[in-house]
N, C-alpha and C. Protein backbone atom coordinates (compact mmCIF):
# COMPACT_ATOMS: atom_id res chain seq x y z
N UNK A 1 47.49 73.83 -14.94
CA UNK A 1 46.83 72.81 -14.13
C UNK A 1 45.50 73.32 -13.64
N UNK A 2 44.46 72.56 -13.92
CA UNK A 2 43.14 72.92 -13.51
C UNK A 2 42.92 72.54 -12.03
N UNK A 3 42.34 73.41 -11.25
CA UNK A 3 42.14 73.13 -9.84
C UNK A 3 40.97 72.15 -9.61
N UNK A 4 40.16 71.96 -10.61
CA UNK A 4 38.99 71.06 -10.42
C UNK A 4 39.35 69.62 -10.78
N UNK A 5 40.30 69.45 -11.69
CA UNK A 5 40.64 68.12 -12.18
C UNK A 5 42.06 67.82 -11.78
N UNK A 6 42.26 66.73 -11.03
CA UNK A 6 43.60 66.29 -10.67
C UNK A 6 44.04 65.30 -11.77
N UNK A 7 44.88 65.78 -12.69
CA UNK A 7 45.32 65.00 -13.82
C UNK A 7 46.16 63.78 -13.40
N UNK A 8 46.95 63.94 -12.33
CA UNK A 8 47.76 62.81 -11.83
C UNK A 8 46.86 61.67 -11.38
N UNK A 9 45.85 61.97 -10.61
CA UNK A 9 44.92 60.92 -10.15
C UNK A 9 44.15 60.36 -11.32
N UNK A 10 43.77 61.19 -12.26
CA UNK A 10 43.03 60.72 -13.42
C UNK A 10 43.83 59.75 -14.26
N UNK A 11 45.15 60.03 -14.41
CA UNK A 11 46.05 59.15 -15.15
C UNK A 11 46.16 57.79 -14.44
N UNK A 12 46.31 57.81 -13.14
CA UNK A 12 46.40 56.55 -12.38
C UNK A 12 45.13 55.72 -12.46
N UNK A 13 44.00 56.38 -12.38
CA UNK A 13 42.73 55.65 -12.48
C UNK A 13 42.56 55.06 -13.90
N UNK A 14 42.99 55.77 -14.91
CA UNK A 14 42.91 55.25 -16.32
C UNK A 14 43.78 54.02 -16.48
N UNK A 15 45.01 54.09 -15.99
CA UNK A 15 45.94 52.95 -16.16
C UNK A 15 45.43 51.75 -15.42
N UNK A 16 45.06 51.90 -14.18
CA UNK A 16 44.57 50.77 -13.36
C UNK A 16 43.27 50.20 -13.98
N UNK A 17 42.42 51.06 -14.43
CA UNK A 17 41.19 50.60 -15.05
C UNK A 17 41.42 49.80 -16.33
N UNK A 18 42.38 50.24 -17.12
CA UNK A 18 42.71 49.45 -18.34
C UNK A 18 43.34 48.12 -18.01
N UNK A 19 44.26 48.12 -17.04
CA UNK A 19 44.91 46.87 -16.66
C UNK A 19 43.90 45.85 -16.09
N UNK A 20 43.05 46.31 -15.20
CA UNK A 20 42.15 45.36 -14.58
C UNK A 20 40.92 45.07 -15.46
N UNK A 21 40.50 46.04 -16.25
CA UNK A 21 39.31 45.85 -17.07
C UNK A 21 39.59 45.08 -18.34
N UNK A 22 40.78 45.23 -18.89
CA UNK A 22 41.13 44.48 -20.15
C UNK A 22 42.27 43.47 -19.91
N UNK A 23 43.14 43.80 -19.05
CA UNK A 23 44.32 42.95 -18.85
C UNK A 23 44.05 41.63 -18.17
N UNK A 24 43.23 41.65 -17.09
CA UNK A 24 42.95 40.42 -16.39
C UNK A 24 42.08 39.47 -17.23
N UNK A 25 41.04 39.94 -17.92
CA UNK A 25 40.30 38.99 -18.78
C UNK A 25 41.18 38.46 -19.92
N UNK A 26 42.05 39.27 -20.42
CA UNK A 26 42.94 38.82 -21.51
C UNK A 26 43.95 37.74 -20.93
N UNK A 27 44.44 37.94 -19.73
CA UNK A 27 45.32 36.97 -19.12
C UNK A 27 44.59 35.65 -18.85
N UNK A 28 43.36 35.76 -18.44
CA UNK A 28 42.53 34.55 -18.18
C UNK A 28 42.31 33.80 -19.53
N UNK A 29 42.06 34.57 -20.61
CA UNK A 29 41.88 33.96 -21.94
C UNK A 29 43.15 33.29 -22.43
N UNK A 30 44.31 33.86 -22.14
CA UNK A 30 45.55 33.19 -22.49
C UNK A 30 45.71 31.87 -21.73
N UNK A 31 45.33 31.89 -20.48
CA UNK A 31 45.38 30.64 -19.69
C UNK A 31 44.48 29.56 -20.28
N UNK A 32 43.28 29.96 -20.65
CA UNK A 32 42.37 28.98 -21.27
C UNK A 32 42.88 28.50 -22.61
N UNK A 33 43.47 29.39 -23.36
CA UNK A 33 43.96 29.02 -24.69
C UNK A 33 45.15 28.03 -24.60
N UNK A 34 45.99 28.17 -23.57
CA UNK A 34 47.08 27.26 -23.44
C UNK A 34 46.61 25.85 -22.98
N UNK A 35 45.42 25.79 -22.40
CA UNK A 35 44.92 24.44 -22.05
C UNK A 35 44.33 23.74 -23.22
N UNK A 36 43.94 24.47 -24.29
CA UNK A 36 43.34 23.87 -25.45
C UNK A 36 44.02 24.38 -26.72
N UNK A 37 45.22 23.85 -27.03
CA UNK A 37 45.91 24.37 -28.24
C UNK A 37 45.21 23.95 -29.51
N UNK A 38 45.43 24.68 -30.57
CA UNK A 38 44.80 24.33 -31.86
C UNK A 38 45.39 23.01 -32.40
N UNK A 39 44.59 22.28 -33.13
CA UNK A 39 45.13 21.01 -33.74
C UNK A 39 46.13 21.36 -34.81
N UNK A 40 47.08 20.46 -34.97
CA UNK A 40 48.07 20.67 -36.00
C UNK A 40 47.54 20.29 -37.35
N UNK A 41 47.79 21.13 -38.36
CA UNK A 41 47.31 20.86 -39.70
C UNK A 41 48.36 19.97 -40.39
N UNK A 42 47.91 18.79 -40.81
CA UNK A 42 48.84 17.91 -41.51
C UNK A 42 49.69 17.09 -40.55
N UNK A 43 49.48 17.25 -39.27
CA UNK A 43 50.28 16.53 -38.29
C UNK A 43 49.66 15.21 -37.96
N UNK A 44 50.23 14.46 -37.05
CA UNK A 44 49.76 13.14 -36.67
C UNK A 44 48.72 13.20 -35.56
N UNK A 45 48.39 14.36 -35.10
CA UNK A 45 47.44 14.46 -33.98
C UNK A 45 46.04 14.10 -34.44
N UNK A 46 45.47 13.11 -33.78
CA UNK A 46 44.15 12.67 -34.10
C UNK A 46 43.24 13.02 -32.92
N UNK A 47 42.10 13.63 -33.20
CA UNK A 47 41.23 14.01 -32.10
C UNK A 47 41.67 15.34 -31.49
N UNK A 48 41.35 15.50 -30.22
CA UNK A 48 41.61 16.76 -29.51
C UNK A 48 43.03 16.70 -28.93
N UNK A 49 43.86 17.69 -29.25
CA UNK A 49 45.24 17.71 -28.69
C UNK A 49 45.20 18.14 -27.25
N UNK A 50 46.22 17.70 -26.53
CA UNK A 50 46.36 18.03 -25.10
C UNK A 50 47.39 19.13 -24.94
N UNK A 51 47.34 19.79 -23.82
CA UNK A 51 48.18 20.95 -23.61
C UNK A 51 49.64 20.57 -23.33
N UNK A 52 49.84 19.50 -22.59
CA UNK A 52 51.20 19.11 -22.23
C UNK A 52 51.64 19.86 -20.96
N UNK A 53 52.79 19.48 -20.41
CA UNK A 53 53.20 20.08 -19.17
C UNK A 53 53.51 21.57 -19.21
N UNK A 54 54.01 22.04 -20.35
CA UNK A 54 54.32 23.49 -20.47
C UNK A 54 53.01 24.28 -20.51
N UNK A 55 52.02 23.77 -21.22
CA UNK A 55 50.72 24.43 -21.30
C UNK A 55 50.06 24.54 -19.97
N UNK A 56 50.14 23.43 -19.20
CA UNK A 56 49.56 23.43 -17.83
C UNK A 56 50.30 24.43 -16.93
N UNK A 57 51.56 24.51 -17.08
CA UNK A 57 52.34 25.46 -16.20
C UNK A 57 52.00 26.89 -16.57
N UNK A 58 51.93 27.20 -17.85
CA UNK A 58 51.59 28.58 -18.26
C UNK A 58 50.14 28.90 -17.83
N UNK A 59 49.25 27.99 -18.02
CA UNK A 59 47.87 28.22 -17.60
C UNK A 59 47.78 28.42 -16.07
N UNK A 60 48.52 27.63 -15.31
CA UNK A 60 48.54 27.80 -13.88
C UNK A 60 49.06 29.15 -13.44
N UNK A 61 50.11 29.62 -14.11
CA UNK A 61 50.63 30.93 -13.79
C UNK A 61 49.66 32.06 -14.14
N UNK A 62 49.00 31.90 -15.28
CA UNK A 62 47.96 32.91 -15.66
C UNK A 62 46.86 32.95 -14.65
N UNK A 63 46.32 31.74 -14.28
CA UNK A 63 45.21 31.72 -13.36
C UNK A 63 45.64 32.21 -11.96
N UNK A 64 46.86 31.89 -11.55
CA UNK A 64 47.34 32.37 -10.25
C UNK A 64 47.47 33.91 -10.21
N UNK A 65 47.92 34.48 -11.33
CA UNK A 65 48.00 35.93 -11.40
C UNK A 65 46.64 36.58 -11.32
N UNK A 66 45.66 35.99 -12.01
CA UNK A 66 44.30 36.54 -11.96
C UNK A 66 43.73 36.41 -10.55
N UNK A 67 43.94 35.28 -9.92
CA UNK A 67 43.43 35.08 -8.54
C UNK A 67 44.12 36.03 -7.58
N UNK A 68 45.44 36.26 -7.73
CA UNK A 68 46.12 37.16 -6.88
C UNK A 68 45.61 38.59 -7.05
N UNK A 69 45.34 38.99 -8.27
CA UNK A 69 44.81 40.36 -8.51
C UNK A 69 43.41 40.48 -7.87
N UNK A 70 42.60 39.46 -7.97
CA UNK A 70 41.26 39.47 -7.38
C UNK A 70 41.39 39.59 -5.85
N UNK A 71 42.28 38.79 -5.26
CA UNK A 71 42.48 38.83 -3.80
C UNK A 71 43.02 40.15 -3.36
N UNK A 72 43.92 40.74 -4.14
CA UNK A 72 44.49 42.06 -3.76
C UNK A 72 43.40 43.12 -3.85
N UNK A 73 42.54 43.04 -4.84
CA UNK A 73 41.45 44.01 -4.96
C UNK A 73 40.47 43.91 -3.81
N UNK A 74 40.12 42.68 -3.41
CA UNK A 74 39.23 42.52 -2.29
C UNK A 74 39.84 43.01 -1.01
N UNK A 75 41.15 42.78 -0.81
CA UNK A 75 41.79 43.23 0.41
C UNK A 75 41.86 44.78 0.45
N UNK A 76 42.04 45.41 -0.68
CA UNK A 76 42.08 46.85 -0.75
C UNK A 76 40.69 47.43 -0.38
N UNK A 77 39.66 46.80 -0.91
CA UNK A 77 38.30 47.28 -0.59
C UNK A 77 37.96 47.06 0.86
N UNK A 78 38.29 45.90 1.42
CA UNK A 78 37.95 45.62 2.82
C UNK A 78 38.76 46.49 3.78
N UNK A 79 40.02 46.71 3.52
CA UNK A 79 40.87 47.50 4.45
C UNK A 79 40.66 49.00 4.34
N UNK A 80 40.10 49.50 3.26
CA UNK A 80 39.93 50.92 3.09
C UNK A 80 38.47 51.38 3.22
N UNK A 81 37.64 50.56 3.71
CA UNK A 81 36.23 51.01 3.86
C UNK A 81 35.85 51.28 5.29
């Protein structure tokens, strides 16, 4: 164990950075994608398809999780400064 580098803290920073840096935008993209599903090939859908109630529920959960993470991050910054 190196006395200059705390590997335990480095590991935690890496995991949280990956989750917030890549995970939250990916979750937001999933929410947007469920609101605009791809058109069915050879199906009876004419024009732009709609998401339906399941798509809206999944999108709402994704957006709520992203907003909760943003709120948690702001509260951590405000309370620890």
